Amino acid sequence: MLTLTDNAVAVIRSLTEQPQVPDGTGLRIATDPSAGALTLSLAPEPVEGDQVVNEAGARLFLESSAAELLDDKALDAAVDPSGSVQFAVAEQQPG
């Protein structure tokens, strides 16, 4: 199962706990076959069939194909000085 780094947890919580965002909102990762890429979006709830990861209050919804693709990966995140968020996928660290 996809794991989240502490940075990813903090960034996801920051995005989903803003006052204008509905309770229960999570970050949704889905596949985009036409672009050969993953898409990220804020979603008020998981779509039927999504795998839900809830780690330390950070909610992540994984579309089934994305969950399969990311099964042995770790999601990391960083915020640059201008406030832009960047997510990265890496191999899970043993242990």
N, C-alpha and C. Protein backbone atom coordinates (compact mmCIF):
# COMPACT_ATOMS: atom_id res chain seq x y z
N MET A 1 0.84 -1.18 0.00
CA MET A 1 0.00 0.00 0.00
C MET A 1 0.89 1.25 0.00
N LEU A 2 0.46 2.26 -0.73
CA LEU A 2 1.18 3.53 -0.77
C LEU A 2 1.34 4.07 0.65
N THR A 3 2.54 4.52 0.96
CA THR A 3 2.78 5.16 2.26
C THR A 3 2.99 6.66 2.04
N LEU A 4 2.82 7.41 3.10
CA LEU A 4 2.98 8.86 3.05
C LEU A 4 4.13 9.27 3.96
N THR A 5 4.99 10.16 3.46
CA THR A 5 6.04 10.71 4.33
C THR A 5 5.39 11.74 5.26
N ASP A 6 6.12 12.12 6.29
CA ASP A 6 5.62 13.16 7.20
C ASP A 6 5.32 14.45 6.45
N ASN A 7 6.18 14.78 5.47
CA ASN A 7 5.96 15.99 4.67
C ASN A 7 4.66 15.90 3.88
N ALA A 8 4.40 14.74 3.28
CA ALA A 8 3.17 14.55 2.51
C ALA A 8 1.95 14.68 3.41
N VAL A 9 2.01 14.09 4.59
CA VAL A 9 0.89 14.20 5.54
C VAL A 9 0.63 15.67 5.86
N ALA A 10 1.69 16.42 6.17
CA ALA A 10 1.53 17.84 6.53
C ALA A 10 0.95 18.65 5.38
N VAL A 11 1.43 18.42 4.16
CA VAL A 11 0.94 19.19 3.01
C VAL A 11 -0.51 18.83 2.70
N ILE A 12 -0.86 17.55 2.71
CA ILE A 12 -2.24 17.14 2.43
C ILE A 12 -3.18 17.74 3.47
N ARG A 13 -2.78 17.67 4.73
CA ARG A 13 -3.62 18.26 5.79
C ARG A 13 -3.77 19.77 5.59
N SER A 14 -2.70 20.42 5.21
CA SER A 14 -2.75 21.87 4.97
C SER A 14 -3.73 22.19 3.83
N LEU A 15 -3.72 21.39 2.79
CA LEU A 15 -4.61 21.63 1.64
C LEU A 15 -6.07 21.34 1.99
N THR A 16 -6.31 20.29 2.77
CA THR A 16 -7.70 19.86 3.01
C THR A 16 -8.33 20.46 4.26
N GLU A 17 -7.55 21.14 5.09
CA GLU A 17 -8.11 21.71 6.31
C GLU A 17 -8.34 23.22 6.21
N GLN A 18 -8.30 23.74 5.00
CA GLN A 18 -8.58 25.17 4.82
C GLN A 18 -10.07 25.42 5.06
N PRO A 19 -10.42 26.60 5.55
CA PRO A 19 -11.82 26.88 5.91
C PRO A 19 -12.83 26.68 4.77
N GLN A 20 -12.43 26.97 3.54
CA GLN A 20 -13.37 26.87 2.43
C GLN A 20 -13.52 25.44 1.89
N VAL A 21 -12.73 24.51 2.41
CA VAL A 21 -12.76 23.13 1.94
C VAL A 21 -13.71 22.32 2.83
N PRO A 22 -14.66 21.57 2.23
CA PRO A 22 -15.62 20.79 3.03
C PRO A 22 -14.93 19.73 3.88
N ASP A 23 -15.52 19.43 5.05
CA ASP A 23 -15.01 18.36 5.90
C ASP A 23 -15.01 17.05 5.13
N GLY A 24 -14.00 16.25 5.37
CA GLY A 24 -13.91 14.95 4.71
C GLY A 24 -13.20 14.97 3.37
N THR A 25 -12.83 16.16 2.90
CA THR A 25 -12.13 16.28 1.62
C THR A 25 -10.78 15.60 1.71
N GLY A 26 -10.36 15.01 0.61
CA GLY A 26 -9.05 14.37 0.54
C GLY A 26 -8.38 14.67 -0.78
N LEU A 27 -7.13 14.29 -0.88
CA LEU A 27 -6.39 14.40 -2.13
C LEU A 27 -6.65 13.11 -2.90
N ARG A 28 -7.11 13.23 -4.16
CA ARG A 28 -7.41 12.06 -4.98
C ARG A 28 -6.35 11.92 -6.05
N ILE A 29 -5.83 10.71 -6.16
CA ILE A 29 -4.86 10.39 -7.21
C ILE A 29 -5.53 9.40 -8.15
N ALA A 30 -5.51 9.73 -9.43
CA ALA A 30 -6.11 8.88 -10.45
C ALA A 30 -5.17 8.77 -11.64
N THR A 31 -5.40 7.78 -12.47
CA THR A 31 -4.60 7.64 -13.68
C THR A 31 -5.29 8.40 -14.81
N ASP A 32 -4.49 8.92 -15.71
CA ASP A 32 -5.00 9.57 -16.92
C ASP A 32 -4.37 8.84 -18.10
N PRO A 33 -5.06 7.79 -18.58
CA PRO A 33 -4.49 6.97 -19.65
C PRO A 33 -4.13 7.76 -20.91
N SER A 34 -4.90 8.79 -21.24
CA SER A 34 -4.61 9.55 -22.46
C SER A 34 -3.30 10.31 -22.36
N ALA A 35 -2.92 10.71 -21.14
CA ALA A 35 -1.68 11.45 -20.95
C ALA A 35 -0.55 10.56 -20.43
N GLY A 36 -0.91 9.32 -20.05
CA GLY A 36 0.11 8.44 -19.48
C GLY A 36 0.66 8.98 -18.18
N ALA A 37 -0.20 9.58 -17.38
CA ALA A 37 0.25 10.24 -16.16
C ALA A 37 -0.75 10.03 -15.03
N LEU A 38 -0.37 10.50 -13.87
CA LEU A 38 -1.26 10.53 -12.72
C LEU A 38 -1.81 11.94 -12.56
N THR A 39 -3.05 12.03 -12.10
CA THR A 39 -3.64 13.34 -11.82
C THR A 39 -3.90 13.44 -10.32
N LEU A 40 -3.76 14.64 -9.80
CA LEU A 40 -4.05 14.91 -8.40
C LEU A 40 -5.10 16.00 -8.33
N SER A 41 -6.07 15.80 -7.46
CA SER A 41 -7.11 16.81 -7.28
C SER A 41 -7.67 16.69 -5.87
N LEU A 42 -8.26 17.76 -5.39
CA LEU A 42 -8.99 17.69 -4.12
C LEU A 42 -10.38 17.16 -4.42
N ALA A 43 -10.83 16.21 -3.62
CA ALA A 43 -12.15 15.61 -3.82
C ALA A 43 -12.90 15.61 -2.49
N PRO A 44 -14.19 15.97 -2.51
CA PRO A 44 -14.95 16.02 -1.26
C PRO A 44 -15.17 14.65 -0.64
N GLU A 45 -15.08 13.60 -1.44
CA GLU A 45 -15.26 12.23 -0.94
C GLU A 45 -14.66 11.27 -1.97
N PRO A 46 -14.38 10.03 -1.54
CA PRO A 46 -13.83 9.07 -2.50
C PRO A 46 -14.90 8.67 -3.52
N VAL A 47 -14.43 8.29 -4.70
CA VAL A 47 -15.30 7.75 -5.74
C VAL A 47 -15.44 6.26 -5.46
N GLU A 48 -16.58 5.68 -5.82
CA GLU A 48 -16.78 4.25 -5.60
C GLU A 48 -15.61 3.47 -6.21
N GLY A 49 -15.02 2.58 -5.42
CA GLY A 49 -13.88 1.79 -5.86
C GLY A 49 -12.54 2.37 -5.45
N ASP A 50 -12.53 3.61 -4.95
CA ASP A 50 -11.27 4.21 -4.50
C ASP A 50 -10.77 3.51 -3.25
N GLN A 51 -9.46 3.40 -3.13
CA GLN A 51 -8.82 2.95 -1.90
C GLN A 51 -8.59 4.20 -1.05
N VAL A 52 -8.97 4.16 0.21
CA VAL A 52 -8.83 5.32 1.09
C VAL A 52 -7.67 5.10 2.05
N VAL A 53 -6.76 6.06 2.06
CA VAL A 53 -5.64 6.06 3.01
C VAL A 53 -5.88 7.23 3.95
N ASN A 54 -5.92 6.95 5.24
CA ASN A 54 -6.12 8.01 6.24
C ASN A 54 -4.96 7.90 7.22
N GLU A 55 -4.00 8.77 7.08
CA GLU A 55 -2.81 8.72 7.91
C GLU A 55 -2.64 10.03 8.66
N ALA A 56 -2.78 9.97 9.97
CA ALA A 56 -2.60 11.14 10.83
C ALA A 56 -3.47 12.32 10.37
N GLY A 57 -4.68 12.03 9.92
CA GLY A 57 -5.61 13.07 9.51
C GLY A 57 -5.48 13.50 8.07
N ALA A 58 -4.52 12.94 7.34
CA ALA A 58 -4.37 13.23 5.91
C ALA A 58 -5.14 12.17 5.14
N ARG A 59 -6.17 12.61 4.39
CA ARG A 59 -7.00 11.66 3.63
C ARG A 59 -6.55 11.65 2.18
N LEU A 60 -6.34 10.44 1.67
CA LEU A 60 -5.90 10.24 0.31
C LEU A 60 -6.83 9.22 -0.33
N PHE A 61 -7.36 9.55 -1.51
CA PHE A 61 -8.24 8.66 -2.25
C PHE A 61 -7.49 8.18 -3.49
N LEU A 62 -7.33 6.88 -3.61
CA LEU A 62 -6.59 6.32 -4.74
C LEU A 62 -7.53 5.57 -5.67
N GLU A 63 -7.66 6.05 -6.89
CA GLU A 63 -8.41 5.34 -7.92
C GLU A 63 -7.76 3.96 -8.05
N SER A 64 -8.54 2.92 -8.37
CA SER A 64 -8.04 1.54 -8.30
C SER A 64 -6.78 1.32 -9.15
N SER A 65 -6.72 1.86 -10.35
CA SER A 65 -5.52 1.69 -11.19
C SER A 65 -4.32 2.41 -10.57
N ALA A 66 -4.55 3.59 -10.02
CA ALA A 66 -3.47 4.34 -9.37
C ALA A 66 -2.99 3.59 -8.12
N ALA A 67 -3.93 3.01 -7.37
CA ALA A 67 -3.55 2.25 -6.16
C ALA A 67 -2.66 1.08 -6.53
N GLU A 68 -2.99 0.40 -7.62
CA GLU A 68 -2.18 -0.73 -8.07
C GLU A 68 -0.79 -0.27 -8.50
N LEU A 69 -0.74 0.81 -9.25
CA LEU A 69 0.53 1.36 -9.73
C LEU A 69 1.43 1.82 -8.59
N LEU A 70 0.82 2.39 -7.54
CA LEU A 70 1.58 2.99 -6.44
C LEU A 70 1.71 2.08 -5.22
N ASP A 71 1.31 0.84 -5.34
CA ASP A 71 1.22 -0.08 -4.21
C ASP A 71 2.50 -0.15 -3.38
N ASP A 72 3.66 -0.15 -4.01
CA ASP A 72 4.92 -0.30 -3.28
C ASP A 72 5.72 1.00 -3.23
N LYS A 73 5.01 2.13 -3.34
CA LYS A 73 5.67 3.44 -3.40
C LYS A 73 5.38 4.27 -2.15
N ALA A 74 6.10 5.39 -2.05
CA ALA A 74 5.89 6.37 -0.99
C ALA A 74 5.64 7.72 -1.63
N LEU A 75 4.69 8.46 -1.08
CA LEU A 75 4.37 9.80 -1.57
C LEU A 75 5.05 10.82 -0.66
N ASP A 76 5.80 11.73 -1.28
CA ASP A 76 6.47 12.80 -0.55
C ASP A 76 5.95 14.12 -1.10
N ALA A 77 6.15 15.19 -0.37
CA ALA A 77 5.69 16.51 -0.81
C ALA A 77 6.64 17.57 -0.28
N ALA A 78 6.68 18.67 -1.02
CA ALA A 78 7.49 19.82 -0.60
C ALA A 78 6.77 21.09 -1.05
N VAL A 79 7.00 22.15 -0.32
CA VAL A 79 6.46 23.47 -0.67
C VAL A 79 7.66 24.37 -0.92
N ASP A 80 7.71 24.98 -2.12
CA ASP A 80 8.85 25.84 -2.44
C ASP A 80 8.61 27.23 -1.85
N PRO A 81 9.61 28.09 -1.89
CA PRO A 81 9.49 29.43 -1.27
C PRO A 81 8.31 30.26 -1.80
N SER A 82 7.88 30.00 -3.04
CA SER A 82 6.75 30.76 -3.59
C SER A 82 5.40 30.19 -3.15
N GLY A 83 5.42 29.05 -2.42
CA GLY A 83 4.18 28.45 -1.94
C GLY A 83 3.64 27.35 -2.84
N SER A 84 4.34 27.04 -3.93
CA SER A 84 3.89 25.97 -4.82
C SER A 84 4.18 24.62 -4.19
N VAL A 85 3.22 23.71 -4.31
CA VAL A 85 3.36 22.37 -3.76
C VAL A 85 3.81 21.43 -4.86
N GLN A 86 4.77 20.58 -4.52
CA GLN A 86 5.22 19.55 -5.46
C GLN A 86 5.18 18.21 -4.75
N PHE A 87 4.55 17.24 -5.42
CA PHE A 87 4.50 15.88 -4.90
C PHE A 87 5.47 15.03 -5.69
N ALA A 88 6.06 14.04 -5.03
CA ALA A 88 6.98 13.11 -5.68
C ALA A 88 6.69 11.70 -5.19
N VAL A 89 6.86 10.75 -6.09
CA VAL A 89 6.69 9.34 -5.76
C VAL A 89 8.06 8.70 -5.76
N ALA A 90 8.33 7.91 -4.71
CA ALA A 90 9.63 7.24 -4.58
C ALA A 90 9.40 5.80 -4.12
N GLU A 91 10.45 5.02 -4.17
CA GLU A 91 10.39 3.67 -3.64
C GLU A 91 10.24 3.75 -2.13
N GLN A 92 9.49 2.81 -1.54
CA GLN A 92 9.36 2.78 -0.09
C GLN A 92 10.69 2.38 0.52
N GLN A 93 11.01 2.99 1.65
CA GLN A 93 12.22 2.66 2.37
C GLN A 93 11.97 1.42 3.24
N PRO A 94 12.90 0.49 3.28
CA PRO A 94 12.70 -0.70 4.12
C PRO A 94 12.59 -0.32 5.60
N GLY A 95 11.81 -1.14 6.30
CA GLY A 95 11.73 -0.94 7.74
C GLY A 95 10.45 -0.34 8.10
